[in-house]
Amino acid sequence: MDVLPDDVLLEIFDFHLKRTEDMDAWHTLIHVCRRWRHLVLSSSRRLNLRIFCTDKRPVQKMLDIWPPFPLVVWNSLGVLVHEDDIIAALEHPDRVCEIGFDISSETLESLSVAMEVPFPELKTLEIKLDDRLGRELFLPDTFLGGFTPRLRSLDLDGIPFSTVHKLLSSASDLVRLSIWDVPIYEYVSPEEIATCLSSMTRLESMYIGFRHPRHYRHPEGRHPSPRPRTVLPALTYFGFKCPQGAVGYLEDLMACLDAPLLGDVDIINTYSPFDAEEIDWLIQVHVGSSSEFLPHPSPLSLSKRFDAPVSKFRDTMCLDVLPLPRRFCISKVL
């Protein structure tokens, strides 16, 4: 290996680090010899070197030892073991590129005190609330400084929509968006969601689902007046959690959107009992009689796949504002 030039070694290192899921794999390389150590540490951007910070690691000590590489901040599932270690990493907002939390709302509120400034390098944000008691979450408008210009992937599970409204409105660079199991405490209109999406011209994948079917019903039982559609020019996938009574909400939401490249649509029903009449109506409106049962790759669900002609999708309830998708799938999680 000593005869190999630096550029060849870097190609080998880069290939190795991209194939492994271990974010600490570069640690092994720098302990082989002095040359490798210098080459790796001086090529941190090329090799995408990051410091993996968790609540089970001595983060402050790690920050004192290593060069100022980007930080990935995760916590152990469910509970923070050492909250101070997470806070130590969050105190370097200009270096944090990825955050992944699986915590309670009370813990998130506590951590949010250290997250009221902009995180200009943040590209991935995943937050899952583990709140079985249904405690309402309160986050300040200053969460992440209310501005995430470089965020590309956002995955929220159990987060109230109202607490991230400002954050979503500023995420103009977003490519992937998942808002799952939203426990909203007040009605959120399809128009409000569409407005939040209006700046996301690079968005390619979007999944939306609320926790309870009552959240899909307009409080006054009437549809708001028409508004200009939000154009999502890069969107290719759309998924929607569709419990009982949500088909009308889906119709209103899709009427607010224009996605010329949309190719895959998943309508997922997780509500029990299965509202067969409503879902069958949705099927008939969109694909007529051209449908057949096909096994879903996951044993937890059943899917329907549709290969209807283009004419079957014209003048439909929600897809009339969208092009013909390559795949239209309705799933029931058992």
C-alpha atoms as a PDB file:
ATOM      1  CA  MET A   1       0.000   0.000   0.000  1.00  0.00           C
ATOM      2  CA  ASP A   2       2.983   2.332   0.500  1.00  0.00           C
ATOM      3  CA  VAL A   3       3.553   2.484  -3.257  1.00  0.00           C
ATOM      4  CA  LEU A   4       0.064   3.747  -4.017  1.00  0.00           C
ATOM      5  CA  PRO A   5      -0.249   7.481  -4.645  1.00  0.00           C
ATOM      6  CA  ASP A   6      -2.520   9.576  -2.428  1.00  0.00           C
ATOM      7  CA  ASP A   7      -5.287   9.945  -4.997  1.00  0.00           C
ATOM      8  CA  VAL A   8      -5.586   6.162  -5.371  1.00  0.00           C
ATOM      9  CA  LEU A   9      -5.650   5.682  -1.615  1.00  0.00           C
ATOM     10  CA  LEU A  10      -8.394   8.269  -1.324  1.00  0.00           C
ATOM     11  CA  GLU A  11     -10.456   6.410  -3.924  1.00  0.00           C
ATOM     12  CA  ILE A  12     -10.072   3.227  -1.874  1.00  0.00           C
ATOM     13  CA  PHE A  13     -10.919   4.988   1.377  1.00  0.00           C
ATOM     14  CA  ASP A  14     -13.939   6.687  -0.179  1.00  0.00           C
ATOM     15  CA  PHE A  15     -15.225   3.386  -1.572  1.00  0.00           C
ATOM     16  CA  HIS A  16     -14.801   1.693   1.809  1.00  0.00           C
ATOM     17  CA  LEU A  17     -16.511   4.427   3.818  1.00  0.00           C
ATOM     18  CA  LYS A  18     -19.484   4.620   1.449  1.00  0.00           C
ATOM     19  CA  ARG A  19     -20.055   0.854   1.686  1.00  0.00           C
ATOM     20  CA  THR A  20     -20.161   0.736   5.472  1.00  0.00           C
ATOM     21  CA  GLU A  21     -22.972   1.978   7.710  1.00  0.00           C
ATOM     22  CA  ASP A  22     -20.529   2.630  10.542  1.00  0.00           C
ATOM     23  CA  MET A  23     -20.057   6.380  10.874  1.00  0.00           C
ATOM     24  CA  ASP A  24     -16.894   5.732  12.899  1.00  0.00           C
ATOM     25  CA  ALA A  25     -15.212   3.620  10.197  1.00  0.00           C
ATOM     26  CA  TRP A  26     -12.698   6.367   9.479  1.00  0.00           C
ATOM     27  CA  HIS A  27     -11.304   5.948  13.007  1.00  0.00           C
ATOM     28  CA  THR A  28      -9.782   2.615  11.968  1.00  0.00           C
ATOM     29  CA  LEU A  29      -8.083   4.157   8.944  1.00  0.00           C
ATOM     30  CA  ILE A  30      -6.306   6.894  10.874  1.00  0.00           C
ATOM     31  CA  HIS A  31      -4.774   4.357  13.290  1.00  0.00           C
ATOM     32  CA  VAL A  32      -3.028   2.320  10.575  1.00  0.00           C
ATOM     33  CA  CYS A  33      -0.076   4.633  10.039  1.00  0.00           C
ATOM     34  CA  ARG A  34       0.946   8.283  10.164  1.00  0.00           C
ATOM     35  CA  ARG A  35       0.544   8.732   6.400  1.00  0.00           C
ATOM     36  CA  TRP A  36      -3.003   7.374   6.398  1.00  0.00           C
ATOM     37  CA  ARG A  37      -3.902   9.515   9.384  1.00  0.00           C
ATOM     38  CA  HIS A  38      -2.686  12.676   7.698  1.00  0.00           C
ATOM     39  CA  LEU A  39      -4.339  11.778   4.387  1.00  0.00           C
ATOM     40  CA  VAL A  40      -7.717  10.983   5.938  1.00  0.00           C
ATOM     41  CA  LEU A  41      -7.853  13.971   8.269  1.00  0.00           C
ATOM     42  CA  SER A  42      -6.770  16.380   5.548  1.00  0.00           C
ATOM     43  CA  SER A  43      -9.472  15.015   3.174  1.00  0.00           C
ATOM     44  CA  SER A  44     -12.418  15.284   5.525  1.00  0.00           C
ATOM     45  CA  ARG A  45     -14.778  16.864   2.977  1.00  0.00           C
ATOM     46  CA  ARG A  46     -13.883  14.376   0.250  1.00  0.00           C
ATOM     47  CA  LEU A  47     -14.449  11.452   2.629  1.00  0.00           C
ATOM     48  CA  ASN A  48     -17.454  13.051   4.349  1.00  0.00           C
ATOM     49  CA  LEU A  49     -15.981  12.617   7.819  1.00  0.00           C
ATOM     50  CA  ARG A  50     -18.449  13.235  10.622  1.00  0.00           C
ATOM     51  CA  ILE A  51     -18.398  12.945  14.393  1.00  0.00           C
ATOM     52  CA  PHE A  52     -21.148  10.695  15.701  1.00  0.00           C
ATOM     53  CA  CYS A  53     -22.579  12.190  18.905  1.00  0.00           C
ATOM     54  CA  THR A  54     -25.031  10.270  21.095  1.00  0.00           C
ATOM     55  CA  ASP A  55     -26.231  10.393  24.673  1.00  0.00           C
ATOM     56  CA  LYS A  56     -24.038   7.373  25.459  1.00  0.00           C
ATOM     57  CA  ARG A  57     -20.752   8.902  24.319  1.00  0.00           C
ATOM     58  CA  PRO A  58     -18.407  11.399  25.976  1.00  0.00           C
ATOM     59  CA  VAL A  59     -19.281  14.098  23.468  1.00  0.00           C
ATOM     60  CA  GLN A  60     -17.416  16.984  25.075  1.00  0.00           C
ATOM     61  CA  LYS A  61     -14.229  14.937  25.175  1.00  0.00           C
ATOM     62  CA  MET A  62     -14.714  13.934  21.522  1.00  0.00           C
ATOM     63  CA  LEU A  63     -15.166  17.559  20.504  1.00  0.00           C
ATOM     64  CA  ASP A  64     -11.921  18.475  22.272  1.00  0.00           C
ATOM     65  CA  ILE A  65      -9.963  15.696  20.531  1.00  0.00           C
ATOM     66  CA  TRP A  66     -11.140  15.741  16.925  1.00  0.00           C
ATOM     67  CA  PRO A  67     -10.924  18.526  14.321  1.00  0.00           C
ATOM     68  CA  PRO A  68     -14.121  20.571  13.755  1.00  0.00           C
ATOM     69  CA  PHE A  69     -15.844  18.027  11.506  1.00  0.00           C
ATOM     70  CA  PRO A  70     -19.634  18.075  10.961  1.00  0.00           C
ATOM     71  CA  LEU A  71     -21.689  16.577  13.784  1.00  0.00           C
ATOM     72  CA  VAL A  72     -24.385  13.903  13.637  1.00  0.00           C
ATOM     73  CA  VAL A  73     -26.530  14.051  16.787  1.00  0.00           C
ATOM     74  CA  TRP A  74     -28.651  11.033  17.735  1.00  0.00           C
ATOM     75  CA  ASN A  75     -30.132   9.726  20.941  1.00  0.00           C
ATOM     76  CA  SER A  76     -30.784   6.198  22.124  1.00  0.00           C
ATOM     77  CA  LEU A  77     -34.289   4.944  21.424  1.00  0.00           C
ATOM     78  CA  GLY A  78     -36.927   6.289  23.779  1.00  0.00           C
ATOM     79  CA  VAL A  79     -34.923   7.829  26.615  1.00  0.00           C
ATOM     80  CA  LEU A  80     -31.936  10.138  26.939  1.00  0.00           C
ATOM     81  CA  VAL A  81     -29.246   8.510  29.058  1.00  0.00           C
ATOM     82  CA  HIS A  82     -27.017  11.578  29.347  1.00  0.00           C
ATOM     83  CA  GLU A  83     -28.792  14.716  28.145  1.00  0.00           C
ATOM     84  CA  ASP A  84     -25.670  16.838  28.720  1.00  0.00           C
ATOM     85  CA  ASP A  85     -23.840  14.990  25.938  1.00  0.00           C
ATOM     86  CA  ILE A  86     -26.566  15.841  23.425  1.00  0.00           C
ATOM     87  CA  ILE A  87     -26.620  19.467  24.557  1.00  0.00           C
ATOM     88  CA  ALA A  88     -22.826  19.649  24.214  1.00  0.00           C
ATOM     89  CA  ALA A  89     -23.172  18.780  20.530  1.00  0.00           C
ATOM     90  CA  LEU A  90     -26.141  21.121  19.967  1.00  0.00           C
ATOM     91  CA  GLU A  91     -24.065  23.993  21.310  1.00  0.00           C
ATOM     92  CA  HIS A  92     -22.194  23.871  17.987  1.00  0.00           C
ATOM     93  CA  PRO A  93     -25.105  24.665  15.630  1.00  0.00           C
ATOM     94  CA  ASP A  94     -22.798  25.707  12.788  1.00  0.00           C
ATOM     95  CA  ARG A  95     -21.425  22.133  12.657  1.00  0.00           C
ATOM     96  CA  VAL A  96     -24.556  19.995  13.148  1.00  0.00           C
ATOM     97  CA  CYS A  97     -25.540  18.398   9.824  1.00  0.00           C
ATOM     98  CA  GLU A  98     -27.946  15.712  11.048  1.00  0.00           C
ATOM     99  CA  ILE A  99     -30.264  15.301  14.046  1.00  0.00           C
ATOM    100  CA  GLY A 100     -32.218  12.184  14.974  1.00  0.00           C
ATOM    101  CA  PHE A 101     -34.347  12.095  18.140  1.00  0.00           C
ATOM    102  CA  ASP A 102     -36.703   9.421  19.483  1.00  0.00           C
ATOM    103  CA  ILE A 103     -37.861  11.047  22.712  1.00  0.00           C
ATOM    104  CA  SER A 104     -40.804  12.289  24.766  1.00  0.00           C
ATOM    105  CA  SER A 105     -42.341  15.722  24.256  1.00  0.00           C
ATOM    106  CA  GLU A 106     -41.058  16.805  27.670  1.00  0.00           C
ATOM    107  CA  THR A 107     -37.479  15.905  26.730  1.00  0.00           C
ATOM    108  CA  LEU A 108     -37.784  17.592  23.330  1.00  0.00           C
ATOM    109  CA  GLU A 109     -39.006  20.775  24.988  1.00  0.00           C
ATOM    110  CA  SER A 110     -36.000  20.619  27.304  1.00  0.00           C
ATOM    111  CA  LEU A 111     -33.579  20.178  24.392  1.00  0.00           C
ATOM    112  CA  SER A 112     -35.292  22.899  22.375  1.00  0.00           C
ATOM    113  CA  VAL A 113     -33.753  25.494  24.689  1.00  0.00           C
ATOM    114  CA  ALA A 114     -30.424  24.654  23.036  1.00  0.00           C
ATOM    115  CA  MET A 115     -32.038  24.688  19.583  1.00  0.00           C
ATOM    116  CA  GLU A 116     -33.399  28.230  19.398  1.00  0.00           C
ATOM    117  CA  VAL A 117     -30.658  29.418  17.046  1.00  0.00           C
ATOM    118  CA  PRO A 118     -30.203  28.737  13.321  1.00  0.00           C
ATOM    119  CA  PHE A 119     -28.525  25.474  12.314  1.00  0.00           C
ATOM    120  CA  PRO A 120     -27.150  26.591   8.919  1.00  0.00           C
ATOM    121  CA  GLU A 121     -25.561  23.219   8.007  1.00  0.00           C
ATOM    122  CA  LEU A 122     -28.476  20.998   9.041  1.00  0.00           C
ATOM    123  CA  LYS A 123     -29.495  18.710   6.155  1.00  0.00           C
ATOM    124  CA  THR A 124     -31.377  15.880   7.887  1.00  0.00           C
ATOM    125  CA  LEU A 125     -33.854  16.175  10.757  1.00  0.00           C
ATOM    126  CA  GLU A 126     -35.744  13.206  12.200  1.00  0.00           C
ATOM    127  CA  ILE A 127     -37.895  13.541  15.315  1.00  0.00           C
ATOM    128  CA  LYS A 128     -40.155  10.836  16.693  1.00  0.00           C
ATOM    129  CA  LEU A 129     -42.161  11.580  19.805  1.00  0.00           C
ATOM    130  CA  ASP A 130     -42.651   8.627  22.127  1.00  0.00           C
ATOM    131  CA  ASP A 131     -45.640  10.011  24.045  1.00  0.00           C
ATOM    132  CA  ARG A 132     -48.138   7.392  25.106  1.00  0.00           C
ATOM    133  CA  LEU A 133     -49.900   9.843  27.436  1.00  0.00           C
ATOM    134  CA  GLY A 134     -50.743  12.201  24.582  1.00  0.00           C
ATOM    135  CA  ARG A 135     -49.161  15.227  26.234  1.00  0.00           C
ATOM    136  CA  GLU A 136     -49.425  18.334  24.065  1.00  0.00           C
ATOM    137  CA  LEU A 137     -46.104  19.579  22.734  1.00  0.00           C
ATOM    138  CA  PHE A 138     -45.052  23.215  22.817  1.00  0.00           C
ATOM    139  CA  LEU A 139     -42.095  24.411  20.746  1.00  0.00           C
ATOM    140  CA  PRO A 140     -41.152  28.083  20.344  1.00  0.00           C
ATOM    141  CA  ASP A 141     -41.258  29.831  16.974  1.00  0.00           C
ATOM    142  CA  THR A 142     -37.514  30.194  17.388  1.00  0.00           C
ATOM    143  CA  PHE A 143     -36.985  26.406  17.172  1.00  0.00           C
ATOM    144  CA  LEU A 144     -33.931  25.945  14.898  1.00  0.00           C
ATOM    145  CA  GLY A 145     -34.021  29.699  14.506  1.00  0.00           C
ATOM    146  CA  GLY A 146     -37.207  29.278  12.484  1.00  0.00           C
ATOM    147  CA  PHE A 147     -35.014  28.972   9.406  1.00  0.00           C
ATOM    148  CA  THR A 148     -33.532  25.836   7.788  1.00  0.00           C
ATOM    149  CA  PRO A 149     -32.126  26.876   4.401  1.00  0.00           C
ATOM    150  CA  ARG A 150     -30.143  23.674   3.717  1.00  0.00           C
ATOM    151  CA  LEU A 151     -32.528  21.068   5.127  1.00  0.00           C
ATOM    152  CA  ARG A 152     -33.052  18.279   2.572  1.00  0.00           C
ATOM    153  CA  SER A 153     -34.770  15.522   4.548  1.00  0.00           C
ATOM    154  CA  LEU A 154     -37.417  16.081   7.236  1.00  0.00           C
ATOM    155  CA  ASP A 155     -39.103  13.192   9.045  1.00  0.00           C
ATOM    156  CA  LEU A 156     -41.552  14.077  11.837  1.00  0.00           C
ATOM    157  CA  ASP A 157     -43.536  11.475  13.773  1.00  0.00           C
ATOM    158  CA  GLY A 158     -46.085  12.586  16.349  1.00  0.00           C
ATOM    159  CA  ILE A 159     -45.209  16.295  16.020  1.00  0.00           C
ATOM    160  CA  PRO A 160     -48.115  18.800  15.997  1.00  0.00           C
ATOM    161  CA  PHE A 161     -48.309  20.604  12.671  1.00  0.00           C
ATOM    162  CA  SER A 162     -48.699  24.017  14.284  1.00  0.00           C
ATOM    163  CA  THR A 163     -45.321  23.703  16.050  1.00  0.00           C
ATOM    164  CA  VAL A 164     -43.365  23.257  12.802  1.00  0.00           C
ATOM    165  CA  HIS A 165     -45.417  25.527  10.523  1.00  0.00           C
ATOM    166  CA  LYS A 166     -42.726  28.219  10.399  1.00  0.00           C
ATOM    167  CA  LEU A 167     -39.979  25.631   9.998  1.00  0.00           C
ATOM    168  CA  LEU A 168     -41.725  24.040   7.009  1.00  0.00           C
ATOM    169  CA  SER A 169     -42.300  27.383   5.352  1.00  0.00           C
ATOM    170  CA  SER A 170     -38.554  28.086   5.350  1.00  0.00           C
ATOM    171  CA  ALA A 171     -37.387  24.645   4.138  1.00  0.00           C
ATOM    172  CA  SER A 172     -37.068  25.602   0.481  1.00  0.00           C
ATOM    173  CA  ASP A 173     -34.310  23.049  -0.211  1.00  0.00           C
ATOM    174  CA  LEU A 174     -36.310  20.069   1.034  1.00  0.00           C
ATOM    175  CA  VAL A 175     -36.211  16.889  -1.090  1.00  0.00           C
ATOM    176  CA  ARG A 176     -37.935  14.420   1.237  1.00  0.00           C
ATOM    177  CA  LEU A 177     -40.793  15.224   3.632  1.00  0.00           C
ATOM    178  CA  SER A 178     -42.602  12.828   5.974  1.00  0.00           C
ATOM    179  CA  ILE A 179     -45.171  14.138   8.474  1.00  0.00           C
ATOM    180  CA  TRP A 180     -46.600  11.066  10.175  1.00  0.00           C
ATOM    181  CA  ASP A 181     -49.112  10.541  12.982  1.00  0.00           C
ATOM    182  CA  VAL A 182     -49.718  14.262  13.467  1.00  0.00           C
ATOM    183  CA  PRO A 183     -51.600  14.815  16.769  1.00  0.00           C
ATOM    184  CA  ILE A 184     -53.070  18.175  15.832  1.00  0.00           C
ATOM    185  CA  TYR A 185     -55.170  19.912  18.480  1.00  0.00           C
ATOM    186  CA  GLU A 186     -56.968  22.130  16.020  1.00  0.00           C
ATOM    187  CA  TYR A 187     -58.125  21.771  12.437  1.00  0.00           C
ATOM    188  CA  VAL A 188     -55.385  22.252   9.814  1.00  0.00           C
ATOM    189  CA  SER A 189     -56.838  23.004   6.412  1.00  0.00           C
ATOM    190  CA  PRO A 190     -55.477  21.549   3.158  1.00  0.00           C
ATOM    191  CA  GLU A 191     -54.854  25.140   2.055  1.00  0.00           C
ATOM    192  CA  GLU A 192     -52.587  25.712   5.052  1.00  0.00           C
ATOM    193  CA  ILE A 193     -50.558  22.615   4.208  1.00  0.00           C
ATOM    194  CA  ALA A 194     -50.330  23.650   0.551  1.00  0.00           C
ATOM    195  CA  THR A 195     -49.085  27.094   1.581  1.00  0.00           C
ATOM    196  CA  CYS A 196     -46.293  25.518   3.643  1.00  0.00           C
ATOM    197  CA  LEU A 197     -45.282  23.457   0.618  1.00  0.00           C
ATOM    198  CA  SER A 198     -45.268  26.394  -1.781  1.00  0.00           C
ATOM    199  CA  SER A 199     -41.535  27.111  -1.465  1.00  0.00           C
ATOM    200  CA  MET A 200     -40.471  23.442  -1.802  1.00  0.00           C
ATOM    201  CA  THR A 201     -39.724  23.411  -5.514  1.00  0.00           C
ATOM    202  CA  ARG A 202     -37.183  20.580  -5.079  1.00  0.00           C
ATOM    203  CA  LEU A 203     -39.474  18.274  -3.106  1.00  0.00           C
ATOM    204  CA  GLU A 204     -39.450  14.760  -4.601  1.00  0.00           C
ATOM    205  CA  SER A 205     -41.141  12.626  -1.945  1.00  0.00           C
ATOM    206  CA  MET A 206     -43.958  13.548   0.457  1.00  0.00           C
ATOM    207  CA  TYR A 207     -45.902  11.535   3.028  1.00  0.00           C
ATOM    208  CA  ILE A 208     -48.645  12.994   5.227  1.00  0.00           C
ATOM    209  CA  GLY A 209     -50.824  11.347   7.853  1.00  0.00           C
ATOM    210  CA  PHE A 210     -52.814  12.504  10.883  1.00  0.00           C
ATOM    211  CA  ARG A 211     -53.486  10.461  13.979  1.00  0.00           C
ATOM    212  CA  HIS A 212     -57.291  10.543  14.137  1.00  0.00           C
ATOM    213  CA  PRO A 213     -59.998  10.817  11.464  1.00  0.00           C
ATOM    214  CA  ARG A 214     -61.738  13.738  13.171  1.00  0.00           C
ATOM    215  CA  HIS A 215     -58.742  15.886  12.258  1.00  0.00           C
ATOM    216  CA  TYR A 216     -59.730  15.611   8.614  1.00  0.00           C
ATOM    217  CA  ARG A 217     -63.120  17.275   8.991  1.00  0.00           C
ATOM    218  CA  HIS A 218     -63.589  20.980   8.479  1.00  0.00           C
ATOM    219  CA  PRO A 219     -65.021  22.410  11.730  1.00  0.00           C
ATOM    220  CA  GLU A 220     -67.874  24.147   9.909  1.00  0.00           C
ATOM    221  CA  GLY A 221     -68.506  21.275   7.515  1.00  0.00           C
ATOM    222  CA  ARG A 222     -67.926  23.285   4.356  1.00  0.00           C
ATOM    223  CA  HIS A 223     -65.184  23.604   1.785  1.00  0.00           C
ATOM    224  CA  PRO A 224     -63.191  26.839   1.643  1.00  0.00           C
ATOM    225  CA  SER A 225     -63.178  28.911  -1.526  1.00  0.00           C
ATOM    226  CA  PRO A 226     -60.784  27.862  -4.319  1.00  0.00           C
ATOM    227  CA  ARG A 227     -57.212  29.156  -4.232  1.00  0.00           C
ATOM    228  CA  PRO A 228     -54.262  29.018  -6.654  1.00  0.00           C
ATOM    229  CA  ARG A 229     -52.648  25.600  -6.693  1.00  0.00           C
ATOM    230  CA  THR A 230     -49.222  25.064  -5.182  1.00  0.00           C
ATOM    231  CA  VAL A 231     -46.892  23.735  -7.871  1.00  0.00           C
ATOM    232  CA  LEU A 232     -44.483  20.970  -6.837  1.00  0.00           C
ATOM    233  CA  PRO A 233     -42.441  20.541 -10.027  1.00  0.00           C
ATOM    234  CA  ALA A 234     -40.121  17.785  -8.716  1.00  0.00           C
ATOM    235  CA  LEU A 235     -42.614  15.647  -6.751  1.00  0.00           C
ATOM    236  CA  THR A 236     -42.637  11.995  -7.883  1.00  0.00           C
ATOM    237  CA  TYR A 237     -44.092  10.218  -4.792  1.00  0.00           C
ATOM    238  CA  PHE A 238     -47.079  11.061  -2.608  1.00  0.00           C
ATOM    239  CA  GLY A 239     -48.306   8.986   0.340  1.00  0.00           C
ATOM    240  CA  PHE A 240     -51.334   9.698   2.515  1.00  0.00           C
ATOM    241  CA  LYS A 241     -52.605   8.021   5.676  1.00  0.00           C
ATOM    242  CA  CYS A 242     -56.316   7.707   5.027  1.00  0.00           C
ATOM    243  CA  PRO A 243     -58.389   6.701   8.058  1.00  0.00           C
ATOM    244  CA  GLN A 244     -62.156   6.599   8.102  1.00  0.00           C
ATOM    245  CA  GLY A 245     -63.722   9.817   6.850  1.00  0.00           C
ATOM    246  CA  ALA A 246     -60.536  11.201   5.291  1.00  0.00           C
ATOM    247  CA  VAL A 247     -61.297  10.799   1.594  1.00  0.00           C
ATOM    248  CA  GLY A 248     -62.893  14.243   1.407  1.00  0.00           C
ATOM    249  CA  TYR A 249     -59.827  15.803   3.022  1.00  0.00           C
ATOM    250  CA  LEU A 250     -57.607  14.023   0.520  1.00  0.00           C
ATOM    251  CA  GLU A 251     -59.736  15.425  -2.291  1.00  0.00           C
ATOM    252  CA  ASP A 252     -59.366  18.975  -0.971  1.00  0.00           C
ATOM    253  CA  LEU A 253     -55.623  18.590  -0.433  1.00  0.00           C
ATOM    254  CA  MET A 254     -54.957  17.281  -3.924  1.00  0.00           C
ATOM    255  CA  ALA A 255     -57.092  20.052  -5.390  1.00  0.00           C
ATOM    256  CA  CYS A 256     -54.579  22.494  -3.884  1.00  0.00           C
ATOM    257  CA  LEU A 257     -51.564  20.840  -5.533  1.00  0.00           C
ATOM    258  CA  ASP A 258     -50.128  20.573  -9.013  1.00  0.00           C
ATOM    259  CA  ALA A 259     -47.427  17.901  -9.426  1.00  0.00           C
ATOM    260  CA  PRO A 260     -46.629  17.315 -13.110  1.00  0.00           C
ATOM    261  CA  LEU A 261     -44.026  14.575 -12.468  1.00  0.00           C
ATOM    262  CA  LEU A 262     -46.008  12.570  -9.898  1.00  0.00           C
ATOM    263  CA  GLY A 263     -45.514   8.868 -10.596  1.00  0.00           C
ATOM    264  CA  ASP A 264     -46.378   6.961  -7.397  1.00  0.00           C
ATOM    265  CA  VAL A 265     -49.381   7.424  -5.105  1.00  0.00           C
ATOM    266  CA  ASP A 266     -49.930   5.413  -1.907  1.00  0.00           C
ATOM    267  CA  ILE A 267     -53.175   5.712   0.062  1.00  0.00           C
ATOM    268  CA  ILE A 268     -52.686   3.862   3.340  1.00  0.00           C
ATOM    269  CA  ASN A 269     -55.564   2.977   5.654  1.00  0.00           C
ATOM    270  CA  THR A 270     -54.532   2.242   9.254  1.00  0.00           C
ATOM    271  CA  TYR A 271     -57.866   2.889  10.913  1.00  0.00           C
ATOM    272  CA  SER A 272     -59.887   0.042  12.421  1.00  0.00           C
ATOM    273  CA  PRO A 273     -62.457  -1.019  11.428  1.00  0.00           C
ATOM    274  CA  PHE A 274     -61.613  -0.880   7.724  1.00  0.00           C
ATOM    275  CA  ASP A 275     -63.992   1.527   5.995  1.00  0.00           C
ATOM    276  CA  ALA A 276     -64.580  -0.665   2.945  1.00  0.00           C
ATOM    277  CA  GLU A 277     -67.453   1.409   1.546  1.00  0.00           C
ATOM    278  CA  GLU A 278     -65.474   4.641   1.498  1.00  0.00           C
ATOM    279  CA  ILE A 279     -62.297   3.068   0.107  1.00  0.00           C
ATOM    280  CA  ASP A 280     -64.249   1.115  -2.525  1.00  0.00           C
ATOM    281  CA  TRP A 281     -65.874   4.384  -3.588  1.00  0.00           C
ATOM    282  CA  LEU A 282     -62.430   5.951  -3.958  1.00  0.00           C
ATOM    283  CA  ILE A 283     -61.340   2.990  -6.089  1.00  0.00           C
ATOM    284  CA  GLN A 284     -64.404   3.200  -8.333  1.00  0.00           C
ATOM    285  CA  VAL A 285     -64.008   6.951  -8.830  1.00  0.00           C
ATOM    286  CA  HIS A 286     -60.389   6.595  -9.870  1.00  0.00           C
ATOM    287  CA  VAL A 287     -60.017   3.306 -11.679  1.00  0.00           C
ATOM    288  CA  GLY A 288     -63.529   1.994 -12.352  1.00  0.00           C
ATOM    289  CA  SER A 289     -63.464  -1.775 -12.479  1.00  0.00           C
ATOM    290  CA  SER A 290     -59.829  -2.133 -13.560  1.00  0.00           C
ATOM    291  CA  SER A 291     -58.225  -3.355 -10.351  1.00  0.00           C
ATOM    292  CA  GLU A 292     -56.858  -6.550  -8.899  1.00  0.00           C
ATOM    293  CA  PHE A 293     -55.453  -7.714  -5.580  1.00  0.00           C
ATOM    294  CA  LEU A 294     -51.720  -8.183  -5.467  1.00  0.00           C
ATOM    295  CA  PRO A 295     -49.633  -9.202  -2.440  1.00  0.00           C
ATOM    296  CA  HIS A 296     -47.778  -6.369  -0.763  1.00  0.00           C
ATOM    297  CA  PRO A 297     -44.047  -6.935  -0.075  1.00  0.00           C
ATOM    298  CA  SER A 298     -44.764  -6.447   3.633  1.00  0.00           C
ATOM    299  CA  PRO A 299     -46.711  -9.186   5.463  1.00  0.00           C
ATOM    300  CA  LEU A 300     -48.423  -6.453   7.497  1.00  0.00           C
ATOM    301  CA  SER A 301     -50.478  -5.097   4.656  1.00  0.00           C
ATOM    302  CA  LEU A 302     -52.529  -5.867   1.601  1.00  0.00           C
ATOM    303  CA  SER A 303     -52.294  -3.715  -1.491  1.00  0.00           C
ATOM    304  CA  LYS A 304     -54.216  -3.060  -4.636  1.00  0.00           C
ATOM    305  CA  ARG A 305     -52.326  -2.170  -7.757  1.00  0.00           C
ATOM    306  CA  PHE A 306     -54.042  -0.483 -10.646  1.00  0.00           C
ATOM    307  CA  ASP A 307     -53.083  -0.470 -14.295  1.00  0.00           C
ATOM    308  CA  ALA A 308     -56.049   1.413 -15.686  1.00  0.00           C
ATOM    309  CA  PRO A 309     -55.976   3.239 -19.031  1.00  0.00           C
ATOM    310  CA  VAL A 310     -55.418   6.982 -18.986  1.00  0.00           C
ATOM    311  CA  SER A 311     -59.112   7.656 -19.664  1.00  0.00           C
ATOM    312  CA  LYS A 312     -60.043   6.013 -16.366  1.00  0.00           C
ATOM    313  CA  PHE A 313     -58.209   8.754 -14.486  1.00  0.00           C
ATOM    314  CA  ARG A 314     -59.814  11.753 -16.176  1.00  0.00           C
ATOM    315  CA  ASP A 315     -62.399  13.894 -14.359  1.00  0.00           C
ATOM    316  CA  THR A 316     -61.752  12.103 -11.093  1.00  0.00           C
ATOM    317  CA  MET A 317     -62.121  13.271  -7.538  1.00  0.00           C
ATOM    318  CA  CYS A 318     -58.477  14.072  -6.766  1.00  0.00           C
ATOM    319  CA  LEU A 319     -56.221  12.941  -9.554  1.00  0.00           C
ATOM    320  CA  ASP A 320     -57.818  15.258 -12.092  1.00  0.00           C
ATOM    321  CA  VAL A 321     -55.253  17.881 -11.076  1.00  0.00           C
ATOM    322  CA  LEU A 322     -52.385  15.433 -11.463  1.00  0.00           C
ATOM    323  CA  PRO A 323     -50.923  13.374 -14.309  1.00  0.00           C
ATOM    324  CA  LEU A 324     -51.589   9.655 -14.554  1.00  0.00           C
ATOM    325  CA  PRO A 325     -49.434   7.947 -11.893  1.00  0.00           C
ATOM    326  CA  ARG A 326     -47.450   4.860 -12.815  1.00  0.00           C
ATOM    327  CA  ARG A 327     -48.634   3.224  -9.603  1.00  0.00           C
ATOM    328  CA  PHE A 328     -51.762   3.890  -7.534  1.00  0.00           C
ATOM    329  CA  CYS A 329     -51.800   1.755  -4.386  1.00  0.00           C
ATOM    330  CA  ILE A 330     -54.328   1.454  -1.554  1.00  0.00           C
ATOM    331  CA  SER A 331     -53.061  -0.467   1.471  1.00  0.00           C
ATOM    332  CA  LYS A 332     -54.674  -1.696   4.656  1.00  0.00           C
ATOM    333  CA  VAL A 333     -52.351  -2.338   7.586  1.00  0.00           C
ATOM    334  CA  LEU A 334     -53.678  -5.360   9.478  1.00  0.00           C
END
